[in-house]
Amino acid sequence: MKKIIVVLAALVLMAGSAYAAEWNFYGQARLSTFWSETDEISGPDGDVQYSEGLHSISRIGATVKVSDELIGRFEYGTGVNLRLLYGEWDFGAGKLKVGQDYTPLNWIISTQAYYDVNLLQVGGVYSHRHPQIGLTFGDFKVAFRSLENSGRTKTTFVNNNDDAFDGDIQLVIPVIEATYELDFDMVTLIFGAGYSTFEVTDNANGIYEEDVDSYVLALGGQFDMAGFYMKGDVYYGQNAGNLIWISVVDNGTSPDDGFAQIEGGELLDNECLGFSLIAGYRINDTFTVEAGYGYTQTELDHSDDNESATYYINTTITLAPGVFITPEIGLFDGKDSGDMEKLYYGLKWQINF
């Protein structure tokens, strides 16, 4: 009830200030209808299951223009979930952003339709939405953002695979993300980096004031010519789960890996590697065909590596302006014994309004 009251109050305030700004509202309704079969690698086979659900990234929001120098935006998702709320000021030499928005390390290059996972956690470079102070100078972007967000807790910042952690975390500086983009007409390149550090204390497990340093280095690119396109990215990092989403155990459906771990009174760093490759062809204004592959690998100190991959092929069909369906077939491959392998096929439905 409180959330509904907050939303209604926001709408009243918006209506009262409408004379001072230009408001442009928008929305997206996204629905999945998929069949899937999940088998345990080196284990029993599963049954085919049908699922139908509203995507959590369905949204409604507005862009706001106060002047040529000052703009704003807000966006809500399902369950009255605040997705975006920020203002941006163009001060001539650059732009200043304050609020919650996507940070620079958000490269959504895939159209993988299965609940819009978009290879984000298996090979993709995706740091999600965060409260931030952001600066843009031409093709260079930098953001100083929060560490704890998106439902993550101090447990997952430290221990890989959500192992129990009862210690303390001291964060002194914000997470830093930066990107630089080069445009060569048919070819675009983007370079990215992120860094965070915090101190962890876990007296019960013999860890006293140990620093957890996380970094990621990434390269992305796109080639586009006569309807044919190729896109890709590659990243390498340490404890990169604190910066971007990485999924190894859960096969691409939730970020669950890429974190450091406390084991035997020792803090183990996690080495992370991933890449994705997408190719597609825009046949005409109605049909676009795309295939994609994503791979990620993590390895804790003194441990075996974990790896996961996903493949898909789909066709985006535009039925009318703003109305799409996307039939798709794909596979999440956990690679290691005990992991899951999921074959899926079905449709994503979407209407933009």
Protein backbone atom coordinates (compact mmCIF):
# COMPACT_ATOMS: atom_id res chain seq x y z
CA MET A 1 0.00 0.00 0.00
CA LYS A 2 2.85 2.39 0.86
CA LYS A 3 4.41 1.83 -2.57
CA ILE A 4 1.12 2.67 -4.29
CA ILE A 5 0.80 5.88 -2.23
CA VAL A 6 4.36 6.85 -3.18
CA VAL A 7 3.65 6.32 -6.88
CA LEU A 8 0.38 8.32 -6.71
CA ALA A 9 2.15 11.14 -4.90
CA ALA A 10 4.84 11.18 -7.56
CA LEU A 11 2.22 11.43 -10.30
CA VAL A 12 0.54 14.34 -8.51
CA LEU A 13 3.86 16.15 -8.23
CA MET A 14 4.56 15.51 -11.90
CA ALA A 15 1.20 16.90 -12.91
CA GLY A 16 1.75 19.98 -10.76
CA SER A 17 5.10 20.73 -12.39
CA ALA A 18 4.13 19.82 -15.95
CA TYR A 19 4.04 23.48 -17.02
CA ALA A 20 7.79 23.75 -16.39
CA ALA A 21 8.97 20.78 -18.45
CA GLU A 22 8.21 18.58 -21.44
CA TRP A 23 7.11 15.10 -20.35
CA ASN A 24 7.21 12.09 -22.68
CA PHE A 25 5.74 8.91 -21.20
CA TYR A 26 6.48 5.40 -22.48
CA GLY A 27 5.99 1.77 -21.53
CA GLN A 28 6.91 -1.79 -22.50
CA ALA A 29 4.97 -4.97 -21.81
CA ARG A 30 7.10 -8.11 -22.23
CA LEU A 31 5.83 -11.67 -21.86
CA SER A 32 7.56 -15.05 -22.26
CA THR A 33 5.96 -18.33 -23.31
CA PHE A 34 8.63 -21.04 -23.30
CA TRP A 35 9.05 -24.78 -22.95
CA SER A 36 12.24 -26.06 -21.30
CA GLU A 37 13.89 -29.31 -20.34
CA THR A 38 16.49 -29.17 -17.57
CA ASP A 39 18.88 -32.10 -17.17
CA GLU A 40 21.62 -32.55 -14.60
CA ILE A 41 24.99 -33.17 -16.23
CA SER A 42 26.07 -36.71 -15.32
CA GLY A 43 22.72 -37.07 -13.57
CA PRO A 44 19.04 -37.78 -14.20
CA ASP A 45 17.10 -36.27 -17.09
CA GLY A 46 14.33 -33.78 -16.42
CA ASP A 47 10.82 -33.29 -17.78
CA VAL A 48 9.60 -30.72 -20.30
CA GLN A 49 8.02 -27.75 -18.50
CA TYR A 50 5.94 -24.87 -19.89
CA SER A 51 6.34 -21.43 -18.34
CA GLU A 52 4.56 -18.15 -19.01
CA GLY A 53 5.47 -14.96 -17.24
CA LEU A 54 5.69 -11.21 -17.35
CA HIS A 55 9.30 -10.12 -17.63
CA SER A 56 10.62 -8.30 -14.58
CA ILE A 57 12.06 -5.69 -16.97
CA SER A 58 8.63 -4.69 -18.29
CA ARG A 59 8.45 -0.99 -17.54
CA ILE A 60 6.69 2.35 -17.57
CA GLY A 61 8.42 5.70 -17.32
CA ALA A 62 9.01 9.13 -18.78
CA THR A 63 11.78 11.32 -20.11
CA VAL A 64 11.66 14.94 -18.98
CA LYS A 65 13.16 17.95 -20.75
CA VAL A 66 13.42 21.10 -18.66
CA SER A 67 15.77 22.93 -21.05
CA ASP A 68 18.45 22.19 -23.63
CA GLU A 69 20.90 21.82 -20.74
CA LEU A 70 18.78 19.97 -18.18
CA ILE A 71 16.93 16.66 -18.62
CA GLY A 72 15.61 13.91 -16.34
CA ARG A 73 14.12 10.44 -16.46
CA PHE A 74 12.30 7.96 -14.27
CA GLU A 75 11.27 4.37 -14.86
CA TYR A 76 9.39 1.75 -12.84
CA GLY A 77 9.40 -2.01 -13.38
CA THR A 78 7.08 -4.76 -12.20
CA GLY A 79 6.07 -4.78 -8.54
CA VAL A 80 6.54 -0.99 -8.34
CA ASN A 81 10.28 -1.49 -8.68
CA LEU A 82 12.24 1.71 -9.27
CA ARG A 83 14.50 1.09 -12.25
CA LEU A 84 15.66 4.58 -13.21
CA LEU A 85 15.54 7.98 -11.53
CA TYR A 86 18.13 10.55 -12.50
CA GLY A 87 18.79 14.05 -13.72
CA GLU A 88 21.46 15.13 -16.19
CA TRP A 89 22.96 18.57 -16.70
CA ASP A 90 24.84 19.57 -19.84
CA PHE A 91 27.40 22.14 -18.68
CA GLY A 92 29.00 22.64 -22.07
CA ALA A 93 32.29 20.81 -21.70
CA GLY A 94 30.47 17.66 -20.59
CA LYS A 95 27.44 16.24 -18.79
CA LEU A 96 26.82 15.55 -15.11
CA LYS A 97 24.41 12.78 -14.12
CA VAL A 98 23.05 12.29 -10.59
CA GLY A 99 20.71 9.44 -9.62
CA GLN A 100 20.08 5.81 -10.54
CA ASP A 101 20.83 4.73 -14.11
CA TYR A 102 22.82 2.19 -16.10
CA THR A 103 26.54 2.61 -15.48
CA PRO A 104 29.19 2.64 -18.25
CA LEU A 105 29.83 -1.13 -18.13
CA ASN A 106 26.40 -2.00 -19.56
CA TRP A 107 26.83 -3.38 -23.07
CA ILE A 108 23.52 -4.97 -24.07
CA ILE A 109 24.45 -6.31 -27.51
CA SER A 110 22.41 -9.55 -27.66
CA THR A 111 18.67 -10.07 -28.32
CA GLN A 112 18.54 -13.46 -26.55
CA ALA A 113 14.81 -13.55 -25.82
CA TYR A 114 14.45 -16.16 -23.06
CA TYR A 115 13.25 -13.90 -20.25
CA ASP A 116 15.51 -11.25 -21.82
CA VAL A 117 18.72 -12.71 -20.40
CA ASN A 118 20.60 -11.28 -23.45
CA LEU A 119 23.81 -13.24 -22.65
CA LEU A 120 24.27 -10.69 -19.85
CA GLN A 121 25.56 -13.22 -17.31
CA VAL A 122 27.25 -15.70 -19.62
CA GLY A 123 29.86 -13.79 -21.59
CA GLY A 124 28.25 -10.36 -21.49
CA VAL A 125 29.47 -7.14 -19.86
CA TYR A 126 26.64 -5.92 -17.63
CA SER A 127 26.84 -4.07 -14.32
CA HIS A 128 23.11 -3.28 -13.97
CA ARG A 129 21.55 -0.05 -12.64
CA HIS A 130 23.10 1.78 -9.69
CA PRO A 131 22.96 5.07 -7.78
CA GLN A 132 25.82 7.05 -9.22
CA ILE A 133 27.58 10.28 -9.98
CA GLY A 134 28.33 10.10 -13.69
CA LEU A 135 30.35 12.29 -16.05
CA THR A 136 30.38 12.25 -19.86
CA PHE A 137 32.98 14.00 -21.98
CA GLY A 138 32.25 13.19 -25.61
CA ASP A 139 32.94 9.46 -26.09
CA PHE A 140 34.40 9.03 -22.59
CA LYS A 141 32.16 8.07 -19.66
CA VAL A 142 33.01 7.58 -16.00
CA ALA A 143 30.78 6.79 -13.03
CA PHE A 144 31.30 6.62 -9.27
CA ARG A 145 28.65 4.25 -7.98
CA SER A 146 27.44 2.21 -5.04
CA LEU A 147 28.57 -1.35 -4.36
CA GLU A 148 25.46 -2.81 -2.72
CA ASN A 149 22.50 -2.86 -5.07
CA SER A 150 20.26 -5.16 -7.10
CA GLY A 151 19.35 -7.36 -4.15
CA ARG A 152 22.96 -8.33 -3.43
CA THR A 153 24.15 -8.49 0.16
CA LYS A 154 27.57 -8.53 1.80
CA THR A 155 27.43 -12.35 1.60
CA THR A 156 27.71 -12.43 -2.17
CA PHE A 157 30.30 -9.66 -2.27
CA VAL A 158 32.72 -11.95 -0.47
CA ASN A 159 31.87 -15.64 -0.65
CA ASN A 160 31.44 -17.34 -3.98
CA ASN A 161 28.19 -19.28 -4.49
CA ASP A 162 26.54 -17.61 -1.48
CA ASP A 163 28.45 -19.55 1.19
CA ALA A 164 27.73 -18.31 4.71
CA PHE A 165 29.56 -15.14 5.76
CA ASP A 166 29.14 -13.47 9.14
CA GLY A 167 31.98 -10.98 8.93
CA ASP A 168 32.06 -7.24 8.30
CA ILE A 169 32.80 -5.14 5.23
CA GLN A 170 34.29 -1.63 5.27
CA LEU A 171 33.87 0.30 2.03
CA VAL A 172 35.96 3.49 1.83
CA ILE A 173 35.79 4.50 -1.85
CA PRO A 174 33.02 4.02 -4.44
CA VAL A 175 33.11 1.59 -7.33
CA ILE A 176 34.62 3.24 -10.43
CA GLU A 177 33.59 2.38 -14.00
CA ALA A 178 34.81 3.97 -17.23
CA THR A 179 34.44 3.43 -20.99
CA TYR A 180 35.78 5.02 -24.17
CA GLU A 181 34.15 4.50 -27.57
CA LEU A 182 35.67 4.80 -31.04
CA ASP A 183 33.38 5.03 -34.09
CA PHE A 184 34.79 4.16 -37.54
CA ASP A 185 31.53 4.28 -39.51
CA MET A 186 30.84 0.55 -40.11
CA VAL A 187 32.99 -0.51 -37.13
CA THR A 188 32.61 0.59 -33.50
CA LEU A 189 35.03 -0.28 -30.70
CA ILE A 190 34.51 0.28 -26.98
CA PHE A 191 37.06 -0.09 -24.18
CA GLY A 192 35.96 -0.47 -20.57
CA ALA A 193 37.34 -0.92 -17.07
CA GLY A 194 36.01 -1.15 -13.54
CA TYR A 195 37.56 -1.23 -10.06
CA SER A 196 36.42 -1.61 -6.48
CA THR A 197 38.10 -2.34 -3.18
CA PHE A 198 36.83 -2.94 0.33
CA GLU A 199 38.14 -4.40 3.57
CA VAL A 200 36.68 -7.58 5.02
CA THR A 201 36.97 -8.86 8.60
CA ASP A 202 35.78 -12.35 9.59
CA ASN A 203 37.13 -13.17 13.04
CA ALA A 204 35.34 -16.50 13.18
CA ASN A 205 37.26 -17.72 10.13
CA GLY A 206 40.62 -16.15 10.88
CA ILE A 207 40.39 -13.23 8.45
CA TYR A 208 41.54 -9.90 9.88
CA GLU A 209 41.34 -6.72 7.83
CA GLU A 210 41.93 -8.33 4.43
CA ASP A 211 41.41 -6.24 1.27
CA VAL A 212 39.16 -7.58 -1.50
CA ASP A 213 40.28 -5.94 -4.75
CA SER A 214 38.07 -6.35 -7.80
CA TYR A 215 38.76 -5.26 -11.35
CA VAL A 216 37.60 -5.97 -14.89
CA LEU A 217 39.02 -5.00 -18.29
CA ALA A 218 36.73 -5.30 -21.30
CA LEU A 219 36.72 -4.80 -25.05
CA GLY A 220 33.63 -4.68 -27.26
CA GLY A 221 33.03 -4.20 -30.94
CA GLN A 222 30.38 -4.08 -33.65
CA PHE A 223 30.47 -4.38 -37.44
CA ASP A 224 27.42 -3.39 -39.51
CA MET A 225 27.10 -3.45 -43.31
CA ALA A 226 24.11 -3.82 -45.66
CA GLY A 227 21.86 -5.43 -43.07
CA PHE A 228 24.48 -7.89 -41.82
CA TYR A 229 26.00 -7.29 -38.39
CA MET A 230 28.43 -8.87 -35.96
CA LYS A 231 28.89 -7.92 -32.31
CA GLY A 232 31.06 -9.20 -29.52
CA ASP A 233 32.89 -8.57 -26.29
CA VAL A 234 35.61 -10.10 -24.18
CA TYR A 235 36.55 -9.43 -20.55
CA TYR A 236 39.11 -10.49 -17.97
CA GLY A 237 39.18 -9.67 -14.28
CA GLN A 238 39.63 -10.57 -10.65
CA ASN A 239 36.62 -10.95 -8.35
CA ALA A 240 34.71 -9.40 -11.26
CA GLY A 241 31.35 -10.54 -9.86
CA ASN A 242 31.48 -7.38 -7.72
CA LEU A 243 31.45 -5.32 -10.93
CA ILE A 244 29.53 -7.23 -13.61
CA TRP A 245 27.03 -10.08 -13.62
CA ILE A 246 28.57 -13.56 -13.95
CA SER A 247 26.69 -16.87 -13.88
CA VAL A 248 28.39 -20.26 -13.92
CA VAL A 249 26.44 -22.56 -11.60
CA ASP A 250 22.92 -21.30 -12.36
CA ASN A 251 23.21 -21.31 -16.15
CA GLY A 252 22.58 -17.72 -17.02
CA THR A 253 19.52 -16.89 -14.93
CA SER A 254 21.03 -15.11 -11.90
CA PRO A 255 24.47 -13.70 -10.98
CA ASP A 256 26.07 -16.32 -8.77
CA ASP A 257 29.81 -16.38 -9.39
CA GLY A 258 32.95 -14.30 -9.79
CA PHE A 259 33.37 -13.44 -6.09
CA ALA A 260 36.25 -14.04 -3.68
CA GLN A 261 35.94 -16.74 -1.03
CA ILE A 262 37.11 -17.28 2.55
CA GLU A 263 38.40 -20.80 3.01
CA GLY A 264 40.59 -22.21 5.79
CA GLY A 265 41.42 -18.76 7.15
CA GLU A 266 42.58 -17.61 3.71
CA LEU A 267 40.97 -15.18 1.29
CA LEU A 268 40.94 -16.69 -2.21
CA ASP A 269 40.68 -14.41 -5.23
CA ASN A 270 38.55 -15.42 -8.21
CA GLU A 271 39.97 -15.11 -11.74
CA CYS A 272 37.25 -14.39 -14.31
CA LEU A 273 37.14 -14.63 -18.10
CA GLY A 274 34.24 -14.32 -20.54
CA PHE A 275 33.28 -13.49 -24.10
CA SER A 276 30.27 -13.37 -26.39
CA LEU A 277 29.80 -13.37 -30.17
CA ILE A 278 26.61 -12.43 -32.03
CA ALA A 279 25.83 -12.44 -35.75
CA GLY A 280 22.61 -11.38 -37.45
CA TYR A 281 20.93 -10.24 -40.63
CA ARG A 282 18.10 -7.73 -41.03
CA ILE A 283 16.18 -9.30 -43.91
CA ASN A 284 13.69 -6.44 -44.11
CA ASP A 285 11.65 -4.19 -41.81
CA THR A 286 9.71 -7.25 -40.58
CA PHE A 287 12.29 -10.01 -40.05
CA THR A 288 15.68 -10.06 -38.33
CA VAL A 289 17.57 -13.32 -37.73
CA GLU A 290 20.23 -13.58 -35.01
CA ALA A 291 22.47 -16.25 -33.49
CA GLY A 292 24.63 -15.88 -30.42
CA TYR A 293 27.15 -17.67 -28.21
CA GLY A 294 28.35 -16.73 -24.75
CA TYR A 295 31.02 -18.29 -22.52
CA THR A 296 32.32 -17.55 -19.05
CA GLN A 297 34.90 -19.15 -16.77
CA THR A 298 35.89 -18.52 -13.16
CA GLU A 299 38.69 -20.01 -11.08
CA LEU A 300 39.33 -19.55 -7.36
CA ASP A 301 42.95 -19.70 -6.16
CA HIS A 302 44.12 -23.32 -5.74
CA SER A 303 40.83 -24.62 -7.20
CA ASP A 304 39.52 -26.08 -10.43
CA ASP A 305 37.80 -23.73 -12.84
CA ASN A 306 34.05 -23.43 -13.37
CA GLU A 307 32.67 -22.72 -16.82
CA SER A 308 29.35 -22.22 -18.54
CA ALA A 309 28.13 -21.48 -22.06
CA THR A 310 24.90 -20.63 -23.83
CA TYR A 311 23.79 -20.76 -27.48
CA TYR A 312 20.68 -19.44 -29.19
CA ILE A 313 19.10 -18.59 -32.55
CA ASN A 314 16.02 -16.40 -32.94
CA THR A 315 13.96 -14.34 -35.34
CA THR A 316 12.50 -10.98 -34.33
CA ILE A 317 9.24 -10.44 -36.21
CA THR A 318 7.78 -6.93 -36.26
CA LEU A 319 3.99 -7.24 -36.63
CA ALA A 320 3.37 -3.48 -36.42
CA PRO A 321 5.31 -0.46 -35.12
CA GLY A 322 6.06 -1.27 -31.48
CA VAL A 323 4.67 -4.84 -31.68
CA PHE A 324 7.16 -7.75 -31.76
CA ILE A 325 7.31 -11.51 -31.32
CA THR A 326 10.59 -13.42 -31.09
CA PRO A 327 10.62 -17.20 -31.60
CA GLU A 328 13.82 -18.69 -30.17
CA ILE A 329 15.56 -21.96 -29.42
CA GLY A 330 18.59 -22.13 -27.16
CA LEU A 331 20.70 -24.08 -24.72
CA PHE A 332 22.28 -23.25 -21.35
CA ASP A 333 25.25 -25.58 -20.84
CA GLY A 334 26.71 -25.75 -17.35
CA LYS A 335 29.69 -27.83 -18.57
CA ASP A 336 30.66 -29.35 -15.19
CA SER A 337 29.34 -32.47 -13.46
CA GLY A 338 26.44 -31.56 -11.15
CA ASP A 339 25.60 -28.42 -13.14
CA MET A 340 22.42 -28.11 -15.17
CA GLU A 341 21.89 -28.21 -18.92
CA LYS A 342 18.70 -26.53 -20.12
CA LEU A 343 17.22 -26.78 -23.61
CA TYR A 344 14.46 -24.23 -24.23
CA TYR A 345 12.23 -23.09 -27.09
CA GLY A 346 9.27 -20.74 -27.39
CA LEU A 347 8.31 -17.10 -27.91
CA LYS A 348 8.83 -13.69 -26.40
CA TRP A 349 5.96 -11.21 -26.91
CA GLN A 350 6.49 -7.45 -26.60
CA ILE A 351 4.40 -4.31 -27.13
CA ASN A 352 5.93 -0.85 -26.71
CA PHE A 353 3.53 1.99 -26.01
